């Protein structure tokens, strides 16, 4: 669900509010007591609370751009690719070809030193696991042993599929830079003692 700045909190699902607050706290590495949100009425109010309480020095520089530079540097070192051939529009599946993809991405992640994951499993596989899990839940009404076996099988299969996933969920390096800036804001910045307060609302929607 996309949350707009002027949305009243009473019109937003509680799960969306909690998810948004948790995401901002994690990305900006900040903790606030529940009392800090007593007077908030809109999503924009939540962002203003964070803006007032974040103690980092304000610096008007683009975090996505800085994330791109870090990503490009990590690719140059880990994949031995000329930086001239890397731009925000460069496709990730061209940088990380399917043969040996997981190994290549692990080397890249180690060099980047930011815990960002952009691999996923095939859509049909994910849907199959979900369907199997739902069928197993329904089976509890008929045969609990069969149902329990089905649930456990789905969980184990999901764990294995997650470990072996090779599909890239993003298209370009620019998309990856946006993901890094959104999920690991401070780590994405050149100077991790600074933030651009104008970006808070953008990275939390």
C-alpha atoms as a PDB file:
ATOM      1  CA  UNK A   1       0.000   0.000   0.000  1.00  0.00           C
ATOM      2  CA  UNK A   2       1.323   3.447  -0.925  1.00  0.00           C
ATOM      3  CA  UNK A   3       0.914   5.908   1.950  1.00  0.00           C
ATOM      4  CA  UNK A   4       0.489   9.589   1.110  1.00  0.00           C
ATOM      5  CA  UNK A   5       1.786  12.389   3.313  1.00  0.00           C
ATOM      6  CA  UNK A   6      -1.666  13.864   4.028  1.00  0.00           C
ATOM      7  CA  UNK A   7      -3.362  10.544   4.805  1.00  0.00           C
ATOM      8  CA  UNK A   8      -5.078  10.604   8.181  1.00  0.00           C
ATOM      9  CA  UNK A   9      -3.893   7.788  10.401  1.00  0.00           C
ATOM     10  CA  UNK A  10      -7.466   6.740  11.072  1.00  0.00           C
ATOM     11  CA  UNK A  11      -7.756   5.872   7.373  1.00  0.00           C
ATOM     12  CA  UNK A  12      -4.611   3.720   7.358  1.00  0.00           C
ATOM     13  CA  UNK A  13      -4.313   0.108   8.458  1.00  0.00           C
ATOM     14  CA  UNK A  14      -2.468  -0.251  11.780  1.00  0.00           C
ATOM     15  CA  UNK A  15      -0.070  -2.730  10.168  1.00  0.00           C
ATOM     16  CA  UNK A  16       0.922  -0.114   7.563  1.00  0.00           C
ATOM     17  CA  UNK A  17       1.571   2.487  10.260  1.00  0.00           C
ATOM     18  CA  UNK A  18       3.673   0.109  12.346  1.00  0.00           C
ATOM     19  CA  UNK A  19       5.569  -1.094   9.273  1.00  0.00           C
ATOM     20  CA  UNK A  20       6.348   2.452   8.164  1.00  0.00           C
ATOM     21  CA  UNK A  21       7.580   3.547  11.595  1.00  0.00           C
ATOM     22  CA  UNK A  22       9.712   0.411  11.959  1.00  0.00           C
ATOM     23  CA  UNK A  23      11.174   0.941   8.483  1.00  0.00           C
ATOM     24  CA  UNK A  24      12.162   4.553   9.235  1.00  0.00           C
ATOM     25  CA  UNK A  25      13.668   3.569  12.596  1.00  0.00           C
ATOM     26  CA  UNK A  26      15.762   0.843  10.982  1.00  0.00           C
ATOM     27  CA  UNK A  27      16.932   2.870   8.011  1.00  0.00           C
ATOM     28  CA  UNK A  28      17.845   5.955  10.056  1.00  0.00           C
ATOM     29  CA  UNK A  29      18.988   3.981  13.125  1.00  0.00           C
ATOM     30  CA  UNK A  30      16.825   5.917  15.559  1.00  0.00           C
ATOM     31  CA  UNK A  31      14.669   4.892  18.513  1.00  0.00           C
ATOM     32  CA  UNK A  32      11.764   6.931  19.864  1.00  0.00           C
ATOM     33  CA  UNK A  33       9.351   6.281  22.746  1.00  0.00           C
ATOM     34  CA  UNK A  34       5.651   5.711  21.873  1.00  0.00           C
ATOM     35  CA  UNK A  35       4.790   9.017  23.601  1.00  0.00           C
ATOM     36  CA  UNK A  36       6.545  10.857  20.770  1.00  0.00           C
ATOM     37  CA  UNK A  37       3.657   9.938  18.457  1.00  0.00           C
ATOM     38  CA  UNK A  38       0.762  10.860  20.768  1.00  0.00           C
ATOM     39  CA  UNK A  39      -0.201  14.034  18.873  1.00  0.00           C
ATOM     40  CA  UNK A  40       0.264  12.769  15.319  1.00  0.00           C
ATOM     41  CA  UNK A  41      -2.801  12.685  13.067  1.00  0.00           C
ATOM     42  CA  UNK A  42      -1.383  12.169   9.568  1.00  0.00           C
ATOM     43  CA  UNK A  43       1.455  10.246   7.989  1.00  0.00           C
ATOM     44  CA  UNK A  44       3.206  13.559   7.397  1.00  0.00           C
ATOM     45  CA  UNK A  45       3.068  14.204  11.161  1.00  0.00           C
ATOM     46  CA  UNK A  46       4.936  10.939  11.749  1.00  0.00           C
ATOM     47  CA  UNK A  47       7.703  12.036   9.400  1.00  0.00           C
ATOM     48  CA  UNK A  48       7.910  15.424  11.156  1.00  0.00           C
ATOM     49  CA  UNK A  49       8.425  13.662  14.491  1.00  0.00           C
ATOM     50  CA  UNK A  50      11.408  11.869  13.023  1.00  0.00           C
ATOM     51  CA  UNK A  51      12.728  15.054  11.411  1.00  0.00           C
ATOM     52  CA  UNK A  52      12.685  16.856  14.772  1.00  0.00           C
ATOM     53  CA  UNK A  53      14.288  14.005  16.695  1.00  0.00           C
ATOM     54  CA  UNK A  54      17.010  12.877  14.313  1.00  0.00           C
ATOM     55  CA  UNK A  55      20.221  14.419  15.642  1.00  0.00           C
ATOM     56  CA  UNK A  56      22.446  13.913  12.627  1.00  0.00           C
ATOM     57  CA  UNK A  57      23.808  16.975  10.866  1.00  0.00           C
ATOM     58  CA  UNK A  58      21.707  18.111   7.922  1.00  0.00           C
ATOM     59  CA  UNK A  59      23.396  18.020   4.532  1.00  0.00           C
ATOM     60  CA  UNK A  60      21.532  18.554   1.270  1.00  0.00           C
ATOM     61  CA  UNK A  61      23.069  15.807  -0.819  1.00  0.00           C
ATOM     62  CA  UNK A  62      21.366  12.985  -2.721  1.00  0.00           C
ATOM     63  CA  UNK A  63      21.564   9.655  -0.916  1.00  0.00           C
ATOM     64  CA  UNK A  64      20.543   7.617  -3.964  1.00  0.00           C
ATOM     65  CA  UNK A  65      23.441   9.117  -5.907  1.00  0.00           C
ATOM     66  CA  UNK A  66      25.872   8.276  -3.109  1.00  0.00           C
ATOM     67  CA  UNK A  67      24.452   4.731  -2.955  1.00  0.00           C
ATOM     68  CA  UNK A  68      25.043   4.408  -6.708  1.00  0.00           C
ATOM     69  CA  UNK A  69      28.697   5.423  -6.342  1.00  0.00           C
ATOM     70  CA  UNK A  70      29.193   2.818  -3.598  1.00  0.00           C
ATOM     71  CA  UNK A  71      27.468   0.146  -5.659  1.00  0.00           C
ATOM     72  CA  UNK A  72      29.495   1.022  -8.750  1.00  0.00           C
ATOM     73  CA  UNK A  73      32.744   0.855  -6.814  1.00  0.00           C
ATOM     74  CA  UNK A  74      31.806  -2.532  -5.327  1.00  0.00           C
ATOM     75  CA  UNK A  75      30.984  -3.859  -8.804  1.00  0.00           C
ATOM     76  CA  UNK A  76      34.251  -2.566 -10.263  1.00  0.00           C
ATOM     77  CA  UNK A  77      36.282  -4.297  -7.541  1.00  0.00           C
ATOM     78  CA  UNK A  78      34.318  -7.542  -7.186  1.00  0.00           C
ATOM     79  CA  UNK A  79      33.361  -8.135 -10.832  1.00  0.00           C
ATOM     80  CA  UNK A  80      36.415  -6.570 -12.540  1.00  0.00           C
ATOM     81  CA  UNK A  81      34.283  -4.321 -14.762  1.00  0.00           C
ATOM     82  CA  UNK A  82      35.386  -0.918 -16.064  1.00  0.00           C
ATOM     83  CA  UNK A  83      33.483   1.830 -14.233  1.00  0.00           C
ATOM     84  CA  UNK A  84      32.883   3.540 -17.587  1.00  0.00           C
ATOM     85  CA  UNK A  85      30.529   0.693 -18.474  1.00  0.00           C
ATOM     86  CA  UNK A  86      28.416   1.147 -15.332  1.00  0.00           C
ATOM     87  CA  UNK A  87      25.542   3.638 -15.169  1.00  0.00           C
ATOM     88  CA  UNK A  88      22.236   3.823 -13.261  1.00  0.00           C
ATOM     89  CA  UNK A  89      20.472   2.281 -16.272  1.00  0.00           C
ATOM     90  CA  UNK A  90      22.834  -0.710 -16.507  1.00  0.00           C
ATOM     91  CA  UNK A  91      20.866  -3.930 -16.096  1.00  0.00           C
ATOM     92  CA  UNK A  92      21.715  -6.064 -13.088  1.00  0.00           C
ATOM     93  CA  UNK A  93      21.297  -9.288 -15.052  1.00  0.00           C
ATOM     94  CA  UNK A  94      24.062  -8.067 -17.379  1.00  0.00           C
ATOM     95  CA  UNK A  95      26.422  -7.481 -14.454  1.00  0.00           C
ATOM     96  CA  UNK A  96      25.463 -10.695 -12.684  1.00  0.00           C
ATOM     97  CA  UNK A  97      24.942 -13.240 -15.461  1.00  0.00           C
ATOM     98  CA  UNK A  98      23.050 -16.422 -14.583  1.00  0.00           C
ATOM     99  CA  UNK A  99      26.125 -18.668 -14.648  1.00  0.00           C
ATOM    100  CA  UNK A 100      27.688 -18.372 -11.200  1.00  0.00           C
ATOM    101  CA  UNK A 101      25.249 -15.607 -10.233  1.00  0.00           C
ATOM    102  CA  UNK A 102      25.010 -16.397  -6.533  1.00  0.00           C
ATOM    103  CA  UNK A 103      28.801 -16.493  -6.178  1.00  0.00           C
ATOM    104  CA  UNK A 104      29.175 -13.198  -8.043  1.00  0.00           C
ATOM    105  CA  UNK A 105      26.558 -11.480  -5.918  1.00  0.00           C
ATOM    106  CA  UNK A 106      28.130 -12.754  -2.683  1.00  0.00           C
ATOM    107  CA  UNK A 107      31.457 -11.210  -3.718  1.00  0.00           C
ATOM    108  CA  UNK A 108      29.670  -7.963  -4.551  1.00  0.00           C
ATOM    109  CA  UNK A 109      27.778  -7.900  -1.227  1.00  0.00           C
ATOM    110  CA  UNK A 110      30.993  -8.504   0.701  1.00  0.00           C
ATOM    111  CA  UNK A 111      32.689  -5.585  -1.051  1.00  0.00           C
ATOM    112  CA  UNK A 112      29.660  -3.296  -0.660  1.00  0.00           C
ATOM    113  CA  UNK A 113      29.441  -4.116   3.076  1.00  0.00           C
ATOM    114  CA  UNK A 114      25.727  -3.281   3.129  1.00  0.00           C
ATOM    115  CA  UNK A 115      23.317  -6.206   3.781  1.00  0.00           C
ATOM    116  CA  UNK A 116      21.087  -5.689   0.760  1.00  0.00           C
ATOM    117  CA  UNK A 117      19.453  -8.678  -0.926  1.00  0.00           C
ATOM    118  CA  UNK A 118      17.961  -8.467  -4.411  1.00  0.00           C
ATOM    119  CA  UNK A 119      17.506 -12.136  -5.250  1.00  0.00           C
ATOM    120  CA  UNK A 120      14.154 -13.891  -5.265  1.00  0.00           C
ATOM    121  CA  UNK A 121      12.652 -17.178  -6.425  1.00  0.00           C
ATOM    122  CA  UNK A 122      10.683 -17.730  -9.612  1.00  0.00           C
ATOM    123  CA  UNK A 123       7.072 -16.514  -9.446  1.00  0.00           C
ATOM    124  CA  UNK A 124       5.599 -19.912 -10.299  1.00  0.00           C
ATOM    125  CA  UNK A 125       7.647 -21.526  -7.527  1.00  0.00           C
ATOM    126  CA  UNK A 126       6.548 -18.963  -4.958  1.00  0.00           C
ATOM    127  CA  UNK A 127       2.899 -19.373  -5.954  1.00  0.00           C
ATOM    128  CA  UNK A 128       3.239 -23.151  -5.767  1.00  0.00           C
ATOM    129  CA  UNK A 129       4.574 -22.962  -2.212  1.00  0.00           C
ATOM    130  CA  UNK A 130       1.773 -20.597  -1.165  1.00  0.00           C
ATOM    131  CA  UNK A 131      -0.860 -22.823  -2.792  1.00  0.00           C
ATOM    132  CA  UNK A 132       0.569 -25.917  -1.098  1.00  0.00           C
ATOM    133  CA  UNK A 133       0.554 -24.173   2.267  1.00  0.00           C
ATOM    134  CA  UNK A 134      -3.077 -23.063   1.884  1.00  0.00           C
ATOM    135  CA  UNK A 135      -4.182 -26.532   0.794  1.00  0.00           C
ATOM    136  CA  UNK A 136      -2.422 -28.006   3.817  1.00  0.00           C
ATOM    137  CA  UNK A 137      -4.259 -25.603   6.143  1.00  0.00           C
ATOM    138  CA  UNK A 138      -7.617 -26.613   4.652  1.00  0.00           C
ATOM    139  CA  UNK A 139      -6.652 -30.274   5.076  1.00  0.00           C
ATOM    140  CA  UNK A 140      -6.627 -29.808   8.854  1.00  0.00           C
ATOM    141  CA  UNK A 141     -10.422 -30.076   8.705  1.00  0.00           C
ATOM    142  CA  UNK A 142     -10.119 -33.602   7.271  1.00  0.00           C
ATOM    143  CA  UNK A 143      -6.835 -35.212   8.270  1.00  0.00           C
ATOM    144  CA  UNK A 144      -4.531 -33.414  10.671  1.00  0.00           C
ATOM    145  CA  UNK A 145      -1.593 -35.765  10.074  1.00  0.00           C
ATOM    146  CA  UNK A 146      -1.708 -35.206   6.324  1.00  0.00           C
ATOM    147  CA  UNK A 147      -2.120 -31.473   6.858  1.00  0.00           C
ATOM    148  CA  UNK A 148       0.793 -31.235   9.270  1.00  0.00           C
ATOM    149  CA  UNK A 149       3.013 -33.135   6.867  1.00  0.00           C
ATOM    150  CA  UNK A 150       1.995 -30.744   4.093  1.00  0.00           C
ATOM    151  CA  UNK A 151       2.737 -27.632   6.162  1.00  0.00           C
ATOM    152  CA  UNK A 152       6.141 -28.930   7.235  1.00  0.00           C
ATOM    153  CA  UNK A 153       6.970 -29.923   3.670  1.00  0.00           C
ATOM    154  CA  UNK A 154       6.070 -26.432   2.411  1.00  0.00           C
ATOM    155  CA  UNK A 155       8.204 -24.776   5.100  1.00  0.00           C
ATOM    156  CA  UNK A 156      11.200 -26.981   4.302  1.00  0.00           C
ATOM    157  CA  UNK A 157      10.769 -26.504   0.556  1.00  0.00           C
ATOM    158  CA  UNK A 158      10.492 -22.734   1.042  1.00  0.00           C
ATOM    159  CA  UNK A 159      13.700 -22.717   3.096  1.00  0.00           C
ATOM    160  CA  UNK A 160      15.563 -24.658   0.417  1.00  0.00           C
ATOM    161  CA  UNK A 161      14.149 -22.491  -2.403  1.00  0.00           C
ATOM    162  CA  UNK A 162      15.152 -19.332  -0.526  1.00  0.00           C
ATOM    163  CA  UNK A 163      18.710 -20.589  -0.145  1.00  0.00           C
ATOM    164  CA  UNK A 164      18.908 -21.407  -3.851  1.00  0.00           C
ATOM    165  CA  UNK A 165      17.033 -18.438  -5.295  1.00  0.00           C
ATOM    166  CA  UNK A 166      18.696 -16.921  -8.347  1.00  0.00           C
ATOM    167  CA  UNK A 167      16.161 -14.554  -9.886  1.00  0.00           C
ATOM    168  CA  UNK A 168      17.031 -10.843  -9.662  1.00  0.00           C
ATOM    169  CA  UNK A 169      13.999  -8.894  -8.430  1.00  0.00           C
ATOM    170  CA  UNK A 170      15.255  -5.498  -9.661  1.00  0.00           C
ATOM    171  CA  UNK A 171      16.003  -4.319 -13.185  1.00  0.00           C
ATOM    172  CA  UNK A 172      18.816  -1.780 -13.044  1.00  0.00           C
ATOM    173  CA  UNK A 173      21.641  -0.552 -10.851  1.00  0.00           C
ATOM    174  CA  UNK A 174      19.595   2.610 -10.358  1.00  0.00           C
ATOM    175  CA  UNK A 175      16.793   0.502  -8.854  1.00  0.00           C
ATOM    176  CA  UNK A 176      19.315  -1.152  -6.539  1.00  0.00           C
ATOM    177  CA  UNK A 177      20.665   2.249  -5.455  1.00  0.00           C
ATOM    178  CA  UNK A 178      17.136   3.326  -4.537  1.00  0.00           C
ATOM    179  CA  UNK A 179      16.607   0.136  -2.528  1.00  0.00           C
ATOM    180  CA  UNK A 180      19.893   0.590  -0.651  1.00  0.00           C
ATOM    181  CA  UNK A 181      19.130   4.253   0.108  1.00  0.00           C
ATOM    182  CA  UNK A 182      15.631   3.385   1.305  1.00  0.00           C
ATOM    183  CA  UNK A 183      16.513   0.372   3.477  1.00  0.00           C
ATOM    184  CA  UNK A 184      20.018   1.336   4.655  1.00  0.00           C
ATOM    185  CA  UNK A 185      19.945   5.120   4.517  1.00  0.00           C
ATOM    186  CA  UNK A 186      22.900   5.966   6.751  1.00  0.00           C
ATOM    187  CA  UNK A 187      25.130   3.236   5.327  1.00  0.00           C
ATOM    188  CA  UNK A 188      24.396   4.508   1.833  1.00  0.00           C
ATOM    189  CA  UNK A 189      25.691   7.999   2.601  1.00  0.00           C
ATOM    190  CA  UNK A 190      29.296   9.067   2.150  1.00  0.00           C
ATOM    191  CA  UNK A 191      29.304  10.694   5.597  1.00  0.00           C
ATOM    192  CA  UNK A 192      27.234   8.573   7.953  1.00  0.00           C
ATOM    193  CA  UNK A 193      27.021  11.401  10.482  1.00  0.00           C
ATOM    194  CA  UNK A 194      24.791  13.392   8.137  1.00  0.00           C
ATOM    195  CA  UNK A 195      21.311  13.090   6.641  1.00  0.00           C
ATOM    196  CA  UNK A 196      19.211  15.061   4.209  1.00  0.00           C
ATOM    197  CA  UNK A 197      16.071  15.712   6.256  1.00  0.00           C
ATOM    198  CA  UNK A 198      14.132  16.523   3.099  1.00  0.00           C
ATOM    199  CA  UNK A 199      14.510  12.883   2.062  1.00  0.00           C
ATOM    200  CA  UNK A 200      12.838  11.330   5.100  1.00  0.00           C
ATOM    201  CA  UNK A 201       9.320  11.450   3.693  1.00  0.00           C
ATOM    202  CA  UNK A 202      10.438  10.167   0.324  1.00  0.00           C
ATOM    203  CA  UNK A 203      12.219   7.111   1.723  1.00  0.00           C
ATOM    204  CA  UNK A 204       9.395   6.171   4.067  1.00  0.00           C
ATOM    205  CA  UNK A 205       6.520   6.085   1.550  1.00  0.00           C
END
